[in-house]
Structures are given as structure tokens and as C-alpha cells.
N, C-alpha and C. Protein backbone atom coordinates (compact mmCIF):
# COMPACT_ATOMS: atom_id res chain seq x y z
N MET A 1 9.23 58.43 11.68
CA MET A 1 9.38 57.42 10.64
C MET A 1 8.40 56.27 10.93
N PRO A 2 7.57 55.91 9.96
CA PRO A 2 6.62 54.83 10.17
C PRO A 2 7.30 53.50 10.40
N PRO A 3 6.64 52.59 11.14
CA PRO A 3 7.28 51.32 11.46
C PRO A 3 7.61 50.46 10.23
N LEU A 4 6.82 50.61 9.17
CA LEU A 4 7.05 49.78 7.98
C LEU A 4 7.95 50.42 6.95
N SER A 5 8.60 51.56 7.27
CA SER A 5 9.37 52.26 6.30
C SER A 5 10.58 51.43 5.84
N TRP A 6 11.16 50.65 6.74
CA TRP A 6 12.33 49.83 6.37
C TRP A 6 11.90 48.76 5.36
N LEU A 7 10.68 48.21 5.55
CA LEU A 7 10.19 47.20 4.63
C LEU A 7 9.91 47.79 3.25
N LEU A 8 9.33 48.98 3.25
CA LEU A 8 9.05 49.65 1.98
C LEU A 8 10.34 50.04 1.25
N ASN A 9 11.39 50.38 1.98
CA ASN A 9 12.65 50.70 1.36
C ASN A 9 13.23 49.49 0.66
N TYR A 10 13.20 48.36 1.32
CA TYR A 10 13.70 47.11 0.71
C TYR A 10 12.84 46.70 -0.48
N GLU A 11 11.55 46.93 -0.40
CA GLU A 11 10.66 46.62 -1.51
C GLU A 11 11.03 47.46 -2.74
N GLY A 12 11.37 48.72 -2.49
CA GLY A 12 11.75 49.62 -3.59
C GLY A 12 13.08 49.18 -4.22
N ILE A 13 14.00 48.73 -3.39
CA ILE A 13 15.30 48.28 -3.91
C ILE A 13 15.08 47.01 -4.76
N ILE A 14 14.30 46.08 -4.27
CA ILE A 14 14.03 44.84 -5.01
C ILE A 14 13.32 45.14 -6.33
N THR A 15 12.34 46.03 -6.29
CA THR A 15 11.63 46.41 -7.50
C THR A 15 12.56 47.07 -8.52
N GLY A 16 13.45 47.90 -8.02
CA GLY A 16 14.42 48.55 -8.93
C GLY A 16 15.34 47.56 -9.58
N PHE A 17 15.86 46.61 -8.77
CA PHE A 17 16.75 45.61 -9.37
C PHE A 17 16.00 44.71 -10.39
N SER A 18 14.74 44.40 -10.10
CA SER A 18 13.99 43.59 -11.07
C SER A 18 13.71 44.37 -12.34
N ALA A 19 13.53 45.68 -12.25
CA ALA A 19 13.34 46.48 -13.46
C ALA A 19 14.59 46.53 -14.27
N ILE A 20 15.75 46.67 -13.62
CA ILE A 20 17.03 46.70 -14.34
C ILE A 20 17.27 45.36 -15.00
N TYR A 21 16.96 44.24 -14.28
CA TYR A 21 17.16 42.92 -14.87
C TYR A 21 16.26 42.73 -16.10
N ALA A 22 15.00 43.16 -15.99
CA ALA A 22 14.09 42.98 -17.10
C ALA A 22 14.55 43.79 -18.30
N GLY A 23 15.03 44.99 -18.07
CA GLY A 23 15.52 45.81 -19.16
C GLY A 23 16.75 45.25 -19.83
N LEU A 24 17.70 44.79 -19.02
CA LEU A 24 18.89 44.16 -19.58
C LEU A 24 18.58 42.87 -20.34
N ALA A 25 17.63 42.12 -19.78
CA ALA A 25 17.23 40.85 -20.44
C ALA A 25 16.64 41.13 -21.84
N GLU A 26 15.78 42.16 -21.92
CA GLU A 26 15.21 42.48 -23.23
C GLU A 26 16.31 42.90 -24.22
N VAL A 27 17.23 43.73 -23.80
CA VAL A 27 18.28 44.19 -24.68
C VAL A 27 19.17 43.04 -25.12
N LEU A 28 19.63 42.20 -24.15
CA LEU A 28 20.49 41.09 -24.49
C LEU A 28 19.82 40.08 -25.39
N ASP A 29 18.54 39.83 -25.16
CA ASP A 29 17.81 38.89 -26.02
C ASP A 29 17.72 39.41 -27.45
N GLU A 30 17.52 40.72 -27.60
CA GLU A 30 17.46 41.31 -28.94
C GLU A 30 18.85 41.30 -29.63
N VAL A 31 19.89 41.57 -28.86
CA VAL A 31 21.21 41.66 -29.45
C VAL A 31 21.69 40.27 -29.91
N TYR A 32 21.44 39.25 -29.09
CA TYR A 32 21.97 37.90 -29.43
C TYR A 32 20.94 37.01 -30.08
N ASN A 33 19.72 37.51 -30.28
CA ASN A 33 18.65 36.79 -30.95
C ASN A 33 18.35 35.41 -30.30
N LYS A 34 18.54 35.33 -29.01
CA LYS A 34 18.17 34.13 -28.28
C LYS A 34 17.93 34.54 -26.82
N THR A 35 17.42 33.58 -26.02
CA THR A 35 17.13 33.91 -24.65
C THR A 35 18.42 33.81 -23.83
N VAL A 36 18.94 34.98 -23.44
CA VAL A 36 20.15 35.05 -22.63
C VAL A 36 19.77 35.07 -21.15
N ALA A 37 18.76 35.86 -20.82
CA ALA A 37 18.31 36.00 -19.43
C ALA A 37 16.79 35.72 -19.44
N PRO A 38 16.32 34.64 -18.84
CA PRO A 38 14.91 34.29 -18.86
C PRO A 38 14.06 35.28 -18.08
N LEU A 39 12.86 35.52 -18.55
CA LEU A 39 11.95 36.49 -17.91
C LEU A 39 10.70 35.81 -17.36
N GLY A 40 10.76 34.54 -17.09
CA GLY A 40 9.60 33.88 -16.43
C GLY A 40 8.89 33.07 -17.37
């Protein structure tokens, strides 16, 4: 196992959560026609 594998695993988890957040933000913004979850 490479020494940086633990870091890359956490990076993947953070990237996945940010993708889920972005997807939910887009859907909620469209459903409620206002900014529910800001995207930056």
C-alpha cells in the first residue's frame, strides 16, 4: 500500500460529498426557485 493511499482515500470521500452537495443544491434550487444551498 503506497504511503499516500490514506490521503487519496480521504480526498475521494471529500470529492464525493461535494458532488452530492452540488447535485442536491441544484435540485433544491430548481424546486424552490431560490437559492437554498449556495454553490460559491
